[in-house]
Amino acid sequence: MKILTFFFFFALGLVIMIYREKIKQFTGTFAFAESWFGTGGTYTFFIIFGFLLTVGSIFWVTGTLDGIFNATLGRFFLSH
C-alpha cells in the first residue's frame, strides 16, 4: 500500500508542475501567493507545491521522513 501511495503523490506532484498553467486557468490566481512571491506567484506556488509533493513522497517511501520527524519533533510526540 505504501508503494501505491508513493506513486500517486509522486505523479500528482509531477502533474501539478507540468500542467500548472492549465490548473491556474481553472483555479484563478491565489492572492496570498501573488503577495508573497510577487507577480506570477501562483505559478511559483504550484511549482513549490508540486516539488514538495514529489520530494515528500520520496522521503516518505524511503523512511527518511520518519527520521526527520523523529529527530525534530519526536520528543514532543513520542513517549520514552
C-alpha atoms as a PDB file:
ATOM      1  CA  MET A   1       0.000   0.000   0.000  1.00  0.00           C
ATOM      2  CA  LYS A   2       2.885   2.345   0.765  1.00  0.00           C
ATOM      3  CA  ILE A   3       4.295   1.986  -2.747  1.00  0.00           C
ATOM      4  CA  LEU A   4       0.928   2.768  -4.345  1.00  0.00           C
ATOM      5  CA  THR A   5       0.602   5.907  -2.244  1.00  0.00           C
ATOM      6  CA  PHE A   6       4.136   6.873  -3.264  1.00  0.00           C
ATOM      7  CA  PHE A   7       3.337   6.518  -6.974  1.00  0.00           C
ATOM      8  CA  PHE A   8       0.133   8.522  -6.568  1.00  0.00           C
ATOM      9  CA  PHE A   9       1.730  11.510  -4.800  1.00  0.00           C
ATOM     10  CA  PHE A  10       4.864  11.394  -6.955  1.00  0.00           C
ATOM     11  CA  ALA A  11       2.744  11.503 -10.115  1.00  0.00           C
ATOM     12  CA  LEU A  12       0.451  14.160  -8.639  1.00  0.00           C
ATOM     13  CA  GLY A  13       3.434  16.404  -7.903  1.00  0.00           C
ATOM     14  CA  LEU A  14       4.745  15.987 -11.449  1.00  0.00           C
ATOM     15  CA  VAL A  15       1.317  16.657 -12.951  1.00  0.00           C
ATOM     16  CA  ILE A  16       0.949  19.844 -10.889  1.00  0.00           C
ATOM     17  CA  MET A  17       4.348  21.093 -12.062  1.00  0.00           C
ATOM     18  CA  ILE A  18       3.773  20.167 -15.710  1.00  0.00           C
ATOM     19  CA  TYR A  19       0.186  21.434 -16.024  1.00  0.00           C
ATOM     20  CA  ARG A  20       0.485  24.481 -13.754  1.00  0.00           C
ATOM     21  CA  GLU A  21      -0.792  26.842 -16.442  1.00  0.00           C
ATOM     22  CA  LYS A  22      -3.981  24.841 -17.030  1.00  0.00           C
ATOM     23  CA  ILE A  23      -4.505  24.477 -13.272  1.00  0.00           C
ATOM     24  CA  LYS A  24      -4.113  28.244 -12.847  1.00  0.00           C
ATOM     25  CA  GLN A  25      -6.649  28.883 -15.601  1.00  0.00           C
ATOM     26  CA  PHE A  26      -9.062  26.581 -13.765  1.00  0.00           C
ATOM     27  CA  THR A  27      -8.489  27.893 -10.226  1.00  0.00           C
ATOM     28  CA  GLY A  28      -7.595  31.522 -10.922  1.00  0.00           C
ATOM     29  CA  THR A  29      -4.886  33.453  -9.105  1.00  0.00           C
ATOM     30  CA  PHE A  30      -4.110  32.898  -5.440  1.00  0.00           C
ATOM     31  CA  ALA A  31      -3.958  36.287  -3.718  1.00  0.00           C
ATOM     32  CA  PHE A  32      -1.664  35.082  -0.939  1.00  0.00           C
ATOM     33  CA  ALA A  33       0.809  33.624  -3.466  1.00  0.00           C
ATOM     34  CA  GLU A  34       0.794  36.801  -5.530  1.00  0.00           C
ATOM     35  CA  SER A  35       1.529  38.887  -2.432  1.00  0.00           C
ATOM     36  CA  TRP A  36       4.266  36.562  -1.119  1.00  0.00           C
ATOM     37  CA  PHE A  37       6.034  35.728  -4.377  1.00  0.00           C
ATOM     38  CA  GLY A  38       5.160  38.817  -6.433  1.00  0.00           C
ATOM     39  CA  THR A  39       3.848  38.809  -9.985  1.00  0.00           C
ATOM     40  CA  GLY A  40       3.354  35.233 -11.192  1.00  0.00           C
ATOM     41  CA  GLY A  41       3.279  33.978  -7.621  1.00  0.00           C
ATOM     42  CA  THR A  42       0.515  31.497  -8.361  1.00  0.00           C
ATOM     43  CA  TYR A  43       2.770  29.696 -10.845  1.00  0.00           C
ATOM     44  CA  THR A  44       5.594  29.739  -8.302  1.00  0.00           C
ATOM     45  CA  PHE A  45       3.253  28.305  -5.677  1.00  0.00           C
ATOM     46  CA  PHE A  46       2.295  25.441  -7.997  1.00  0.00           C
ATOM     47  CA  ILE A  47       5.957  24.692  -8.699  1.00  0.00           C
ATOM     48  CA  ILE A  48       6.868  24.684  -4.998  1.00  0.00           C
ATOM     49  CA  PHE A  49       3.796  22.642  -4.028  1.00  0.00           C
ATOM     50  CA  GLY A  50       4.395  20.069  -6.774  1.00  0.00           C
ATOM     51  CA  PHE A  51       8.076  19.831  -5.875  1.00  0.00           C
ATOM     52  CA  LEU A  52       7.288  19.333  -2.191  1.00  0.00           C
ATOM     53  CA  LEU A  53       4.764  16.603  -3.041  1.00  0.00           C
ATOM     54  CA  THR A  54       7.275  14.814  -5.253  1.00  0.00           C
ATOM     55  CA  VAL A  55      10.215  15.048  -2.861  1.00  0.00           C
ATOM     56  CA  GLY A  56       7.999  14.397   0.168  1.00  0.00           C
ATOM     57  CA  SER A  57       6.702  11.186  -1.378  1.00  0.00           C
ATOM     58  CA  ILE A  58      10.272  10.012  -1.992  1.00  0.00           C
ATOM     59  CA  PHE A  59      11.220  10.852   1.599  1.00  0.00           C
ATOM     60  CA  TRP A  60       8.140   9.058   2.894  1.00  0.00           C
ATOM     61  CA  VAL A  61       8.596   5.825   0.924  1.00  0.00           C
ATOM     62  CA  THR A  62      12.298   5.556   1.842  1.00  0.00           C
ATOM     63  CA  GLY A  63      11.665   6.249   5.535  1.00  0.00           C
ATOM     64  CA  THR A  64      13.657   9.484   5.531  1.00  0.00           C
ATOM     65  CA  LEU A  65      10.596  11.486   6.515  1.00  0.00           C
ATOM     66  CA  ASP A  66      10.221   9.341   9.652  1.00  0.00           C
ATOM     67  CA  GLY A  67      13.837  10.042  10.579  1.00  0.00           C
ATOM     68  CA  ILE A  68      13.433  13.774  10.055  1.00  0.00           C
ATOM     69  CA  PHE A  69      10.211  13.823  12.066  1.00  0.00           C
ATOM     70  CA  ASN A  70      11.685  11.809  14.939  1.00  0.00           C
ATOM     71  CA  ALA A  71      14.836  13.944  15.069  1.00  0.00           C
ATOM     72  CA  THR A  72      12.997  17.268  15.099  1.00  0.00           C
ATOM     73  CA  LEU A  73       9.535  16.793  16.585  1.00  0.00           C
ATOM     74  CA  GLY A  74       9.721  13.286  18.001  1.00  0.00           C
ATOM     75  CA  ARG A  75      10.470  14.417  21.540  1.00  0.00           C
ATOM     76  CA  PHE A  76       7.111  16.225  21.652  1.00  0.00           C
ATOM     77  CA  PHE A  77       5.036  13.294  20.420  1.00  0.00           C
ATOM     78  CA  LEU A  78       6.904  10.142  21.402  1.00  0.00           C
ATOM     79  CA  SER A  79       6.957   8.846  24.949  1.00  0.00           C
ATOM     80  CA  HIS A  80      10.196   7.318  26.201  1.00  0.00           C
END
